[in-house]
Amino acid sequence: MKLICQRCSPNEEFEIPHFSQEEKDSLHQKNKFSPLLAIQEIRNLYPVSLRDAKFIVHHINKQYAYCNRCQASLQEQEYTTCNKCNALNFNWKLS
């Protein structure tokens, strides 16, 4: 699927693979420890560009249902845009 972040790159689409629940859990944990490890894992799992992998990691929520950028409450959709700051969030429910 292709997604756009109205906040950081309103004119660019980024390719987002369909991650399994295990992959989401792993990426979230690695991103908390080191975003570089999360980027590397994405690139090892899927044929995505470095640019797209960085985009993905930058938009993974640190806390479910709260915006990564401004901490506002989010809708419960998996990929959602914050109503307050317009940032895209990968609002993954984790195990």
N, C-alpha and C. Protein backbone atom coordinates (compact mmCIF):
# COMPACT_ATOMS: atom_id res chain seq x y z
N MET A 1 0.85 -1.16 0.00
CA MET A 1 0.00 0.00 0.00
C MET A 1 0.90 1.23 0.00
N LYS A 2 0.36 2.32 -0.47
CA LYS A 2 1.10 3.58 -0.49
C LYS A 2 0.42 4.57 0.42
N LEU A 3 1.22 5.28 1.23
CA LEU A 3 0.70 6.26 2.17
C LEU A 3 1.42 7.59 2.01
N ILE A 4 0.75 8.64 2.46
CA ILE A 4 1.29 9.99 2.42
C ILE A 4 1.16 10.57 3.83
N CYS A 5 2.17 11.32 4.25
CA CYS A 5 2.08 12.08 5.50
C CYS A 5 1.90 13.54 5.12
N GLN A 6 0.74 14.09 5.44
CA GLN A 6 0.44 15.49 5.12
C GLN A 6 1.37 16.45 5.86
N ARG A 7 1.92 16.03 6.97
CA ARG A 7 2.78 16.89 7.78
C ARG A 7 4.21 16.98 7.21
N CYS A 8 4.82 15.86 6.91
CA CYS A 8 6.24 15.89 6.54
C CYS A 8 6.51 15.77 5.05
N SER A 9 5.60 15.21 4.29
CA SER A 9 5.85 15.04 2.85
C SER A 9 4.53 14.95 2.09
N PRO A 10 3.79 16.04 2.00
CA PRO A 10 2.44 16.01 1.43
C PRO A 10 2.38 15.65 -0.06
N ASN A 11 3.49 15.72 -0.76
CA ASN A 11 3.47 15.44 -2.20
C ASN A 11 4.17 14.14 -2.57
N GLU A 12 4.52 13.33 -1.57
CA GLU A 12 5.24 12.09 -1.84
C GLU A 12 4.49 10.89 -1.28
N GLU A 13 4.46 9.81 -2.04
CA GLU A 13 3.88 8.55 -1.58
C GLU A 13 5.01 7.62 -1.17
N PHE A 14 4.76 6.83 -0.14
CA PHE A 14 5.74 5.88 0.34
C PHE A 14 5.12 4.48 0.33
N GLU A 15 5.90 3.51 -0.09
CA GLU A 15 5.44 2.13 -0.17
C GLU A 15 5.55 1.48 1.21
N ILE A 16 4.42 0.95 1.68
CA ILE A 16 4.36 0.32 3.00
C ILE A 16 3.97 -1.15 2.81
N PRO A 17 4.85 -2.08 3.22
CA PRO A 17 4.51 -3.51 3.10
C PRO A 17 3.37 -3.87 4.07
N HIS A 18 2.78 -5.01 3.86
CA HIS A 18 1.76 -5.52 4.78
C HIS A 18 2.49 -6.34 5.84
N PHE A 19 2.71 -5.73 6.98
CA PHE A 19 3.45 -6.37 8.06
C PHE A 19 2.57 -7.34 8.83
N SER A 20 3.14 -8.47 9.23
CA SER A 20 2.43 -9.40 10.11
C SER A 20 2.45 -8.83 11.53
N GLN A 21 1.64 -9.40 12.40
CA GLN A 21 1.62 -8.93 13.79
C GLN A 21 2.98 -9.13 14.45
N GLU A 22 3.63 -10.26 14.19
CA GLU A 22 4.96 -10.51 14.75
C GLU A 22 5.97 -9.46 14.28
N GLU A 23 5.90 -9.11 13.01
CA GLU A 23 6.81 -8.10 12.46
C GLU A 23 6.55 -6.73 13.09
N LYS A 24 5.30 -6.40 13.29
CA LYS A 24 4.95 -5.12 13.93
C LYS A 24 5.51 -5.07 15.35
N ASP A 25 5.32 -6.15 16.10
CA ASP A 25 5.84 -6.21 17.47
C ASP A 25 7.36 -6.05 17.49
N SER A 26 8.02 -6.78 16.61
CA SER A 26 9.48 -6.72 16.54
C SER A 26 9.98 -5.34 16.13
N LEU A 27 9.36 -4.75 15.12
CA LEU A 27 9.76 -3.42 14.66
C LEU A 27 9.56 -2.37 15.75
N HIS A 28 8.47 -2.47 16.47
CA HIS A 28 8.19 -1.53 17.55
C HIS A 28 9.28 -1.62 18.62
N GLN A 29 9.64 -2.83 19.02
CA GLN A 29 10.67 -3.02 20.04
C GLN A 29 12.03 -2.52 19.56
N LYS A 30 12.38 -2.86 18.33
CA LYS A 30 13.67 -2.42 17.78
C LYS A 30 13.71 -0.91 17.63
N ASN A 31 12.59 -0.32 17.23
CA ASN A 31 12.53 1.13 17.06
C ASN A 31 12.74 1.84 18.40
N LYS A 32 12.22 1.28 19.48
CA LYS A 32 12.42 1.87 20.80
C LYS A 32 13.90 1.82 21.20
N PHE A 33 14.57 0.73 20.84
CA PHE A 33 15.98 0.56 21.20
C PHE A 33 16.90 1.32 20.24
N SER A 34 16.66 1.13 18.94
CA SER A 34 17.48 1.79 17.92
C SER A 34 16.72 1.84 16.60
N PRO A 35 16.33 3.02 16.15
CA PRO A 35 15.64 3.12 14.86
C PRO A 35 16.44 2.52 13.70
N LEU A 36 17.76 2.56 13.79
CA LEU A 36 18.59 1.97 12.73
C LEU A 36 18.37 0.46 12.62
N LEU A 37 18.20 -0.21 13.76
CA LEU A 37 17.92 -1.65 13.73
C LEU A 37 16.57 -1.93 13.08
N ALA A 38 15.59 -1.08 13.36
CA ALA A 38 14.27 -1.25 12.76
C ALA A 38 14.33 -1.04 11.25
N ILE A 39 15.07 -0.03 10.81
CA ILE A 39 15.23 0.22 9.37
C ILE A 39 15.89 -0.97 8.71
N GLN A 40 16.94 -1.48 9.33
CA GLN A 40 17.65 -2.64 8.78
C GLN A 40 16.73 -3.86 8.69
N GLU A 41 15.92 -4.09 9.70
CA GLU A 41 15.00 -5.23 9.68
C GLU A 41 13.98 -5.10 8.54
N ILE A 42 13.43 -3.92 8.37
CA ILE A 42 12.47 -3.71 7.28
C ILE A 42 13.11 -4.02 5.94
N ARG A 43 14.33 -3.55 5.75
CA ARG A 43 15.02 -3.76 4.47
C ARG A 43 15.41 -5.21 4.26
N ASN A 44 15.63 -5.95 5.36
CA ASN A 44 15.92 -7.38 5.25
C ASN A 44 14.67 -8.20 4.94
N LEU A 45 13.53 -7.74 5.44
CA LEU A 45 12.28 -8.48 5.25
C LEU A 45 11.60 -8.20 3.91
N TYR A 46 11.70 -6.96 3.43
CA TYR A 46 10.94 -6.53 2.26
C TYR A 46 11.83 -5.74 1.30
N PRO A 47 11.51 -5.79 0.02
CA PRO A 47 12.29 -5.03 -0.96
C PRO A 47 11.83 -3.56 -1.03
N VAL A 48 12.07 -2.81 0.02
CA VAL A 48 11.71 -1.40 0.05
C VAL A 48 12.98 -0.56 0.05
N SER A 49 12.86 0.65 -0.41
CA SER A 49 14.00 1.55 -0.46
C SER A 49 14.37 2.01 0.95
N LEU A 50 15.57 2.51 1.09
CA LEU A 50 16.01 3.07 2.36
C LEU A 50 15.09 4.24 2.76
N ARG A 51 14.72 5.04 1.80
CA ARG A 51 13.83 6.18 2.02
C ARG A 51 12.49 5.72 2.61
N ASP A 52 11.90 4.68 2.03
CA ASP A 52 10.63 4.17 2.53
C ASP A 52 10.77 3.55 3.91
N ALA A 53 11.87 2.84 4.14
CA ALA A 53 12.10 2.22 5.46
C ALA A 53 12.24 3.30 6.54
N LYS A 54 12.94 4.37 6.23
CA LYS A 54 13.08 5.48 7.19
C LYS A 54 11.72 6.12 7.47
N PHE A 55 10.93 6.29 6.42
CA PHE A 55 9.59 6.85 6.58
C PHE A 55 8.75 5.99 7.52
N ILE A 56 8.78 4.69 7.31
CA ILE A 56 8.01 3.76 8.14
C ILE A 56 8.42 3.90 9.60
N VAL A 57 9.71 3.81 9.87
CA VAL A 57 10.21 3.86 11.25
C VAL A 57 9.86 5.19 11.92
N HIS A 58 9.95 6.25 11.18
CA HIS A 58 9.66 7.58 11.73
C HIS A 58 8.18 7.73 12.13
N HIS A 59 7.29 6.95 11.53
CA HIS A 59 5.86 7.10 11.76
C HIS A 59 5.23 6.02 12.65
N ILE A 60 6.04 5.10 13.17
CA ILE A 60 5.52 4.08 14.09
C ILE A 60 5.26 4.73 15.45
N ASN A 61 4.05 4.58 15.96
CA ASN A 61 3.70 5.15 17.27
C ASN A 61 4.54 4.56 18.38
N LYS A 62 4.91 5.41 19.31
CA LYS A 62 5.58 4.93 20.52
C LYS A 62 4.56 4.39 21.51
N GLN A 63 3.35 4.99 21.50
CA GLN A 63 2.27 4.57 22.38
C GLN A 63 0.98 4.48 21.57
N TYR A 64 0.29 3.37 21.69
CA TYR A 64 -0.94 3.15 20.94
C TYR A 64 -1.97 4.25 21.23
N ALA A 65 -2.60 4.73 20.17
CA ALA A 65 -3.70 5.70 20.22
C ALA A 65 -3.27 7.12 20.59
N TYR A 66 -1.96 7.38 20.57
CA TYR A 66 -1.46 8.74 20.80
C TYR A 66 -0.50 9.12 19.69
N CYS A 67 -0.61 10.33 19.22
CA CYS A 67 0.21 10.83 18.13
C CYS A 67 1.69 10.85 18.52
N ASN A 68 2.51 10.39 17.60
CA ASN A 68 3.95 10.40 17.81
C ASN A 68 4.50 11.81 17.95
N ARG A 69 3.90 12.75 17.26
CA ARG A 69 4.43 14.10 17.20
C ARG A 69 3.92 14.99 18.33
N CYS A 70 2.60 15.02 18.52
CA CYS A 70 2.03 15.99 19.48
C CYS A 70 1.33 15.34 20.67
N GLN A 71 1.28 14.02 20.72
CA GLN A 71 0.68 13.25 21.82
C GLN A 71 -0.84 13.40 21.94
N ALA A 72 -1.49 13.94 20.91
CA ALA A 72 -2.96 14.02 20.92
C ALA A 72 -3.55 12.62 20.77
N SER A 73 -4.76 12.44 21.23
CA SER A 73 -5.45 11.16 21.07
C SER A 73 -5.76 10.93 19.59
N LEU A 74 -5.67 9.66 19.19
CA LEU A 74 -5.93 9.28 17.80
C LEU A 74 -7.14 8.39 17.69
N GLN A 75 -7.67 8.31 16.48
CA GLN A 75 -8.69 7.31 16.18
C GLN A 75 -8.03 5.94 16.26
N GLU A 76 -8.81 4.91 16.34
CA GLU A 76 -8.24 3.58 16.52
C GLU A 76 -7.92 2.87 15.22
N GLN A 77 -7.83 3.58 14.12
CA GLN A 77 -7.44 2.98 12.85
C GLN A 77 -5.95 2.64 12.89
N GLU A 78 -5.58 1.63 12.10
CA GLU A 78 -4.19 1.19 12.09
C GLU A 78 -3.24 2.24 11.49
N TYR A 79 -3.66 2.89 10.43
CA TYR A 79 -2.89 3.96 9.81
C TYR A 79 -3.79 5.18 9.81
N THR A 80 -3.42 6.18 10.60
CA THR A 80 -4.31 7.32 10.80
C THR A 80 -3.53 8.62 10.83
N THR A 81 -4.23 9.69 10.51
CA THR A 81 -3.65 11.03 10.55
C THR A 81 -4.19 11.76 11.78
N CYS A 82 -3.29 12.40 12.49
CA CYS A 82 -3.67 13.15 13.69
C CYS A 82 -4.52 14.35 13.30
N ASN A 83 -5.65 14.53 13.97
CA ASN A 83 -6.52 15.68 13.70
C ASN A 83 -5.91 16.99 14.17
N LYS A 84 -5.00 16.95 15.13
CA LYS A 84 -4.42 18.16 15.69
C LYS A 84 -3.23 18.68 14.86
N CYS A 85 -2.28 17.77 14.50
CA CYS A 85 -1.05 18.23 13.83
C CYS A 85 -0.91 17.72 12.40
N ASN A 86 -1.81 16.86 11.96
CA ASN A 86 -1.82 16.34 10.59
C ASN A 86 -0.71 15.33 10.28
N ALA A 87 -0.09 14.78 11.30
CA ALA A 87 0.98 13.80 11.11
C ALA A 87 0.39 12.40 10.94
N LEU A 88 0.98 11.62 10.04
CA LEU A 88 0.59 10.23 9.85
C LEU A 88 1.15 9.40 11.01
N ASN A 89 0.35 8.47 11.50
CA ASN A 89 0.77 7.58 12.57
C ASN A 89 0.48 6.14 12.20
N PHE A 90 1.47 5.27 12.42
CA PHE A 90 1.25 3.83 12.29
C PHE A 90 0.79 3.38 13.68
N ASN A 91 -0.50 3.40 13.87
CA ASN A 91 -1.14 3.18 15.16
C ASN A 91 -1.37 1.68 15.36
N TRP A 92 -0.27 0.95 15.52
CA TRP A 92 -0.34 -0.50 15.60
C TRP A 92 -0.72 -0.97 17.00
N LYS A 93 -1.71 -1.87 17.08
CA LYS A 93 -2.03 -2.54 18.33
C LYS A 93 -1.02 -3.66 18.48
N LEU A 94 -0.28 -3.65 19.55
CA LEU A 94 0.79 -4.62 19.73
C LEU A 94 0.39 -5.70 20.72
N SER A 95 1.02 -6.84 20.57
CA SER A 95 0.74 -7.98 21.46
C SER A 95 1.30 -7.74 22.84
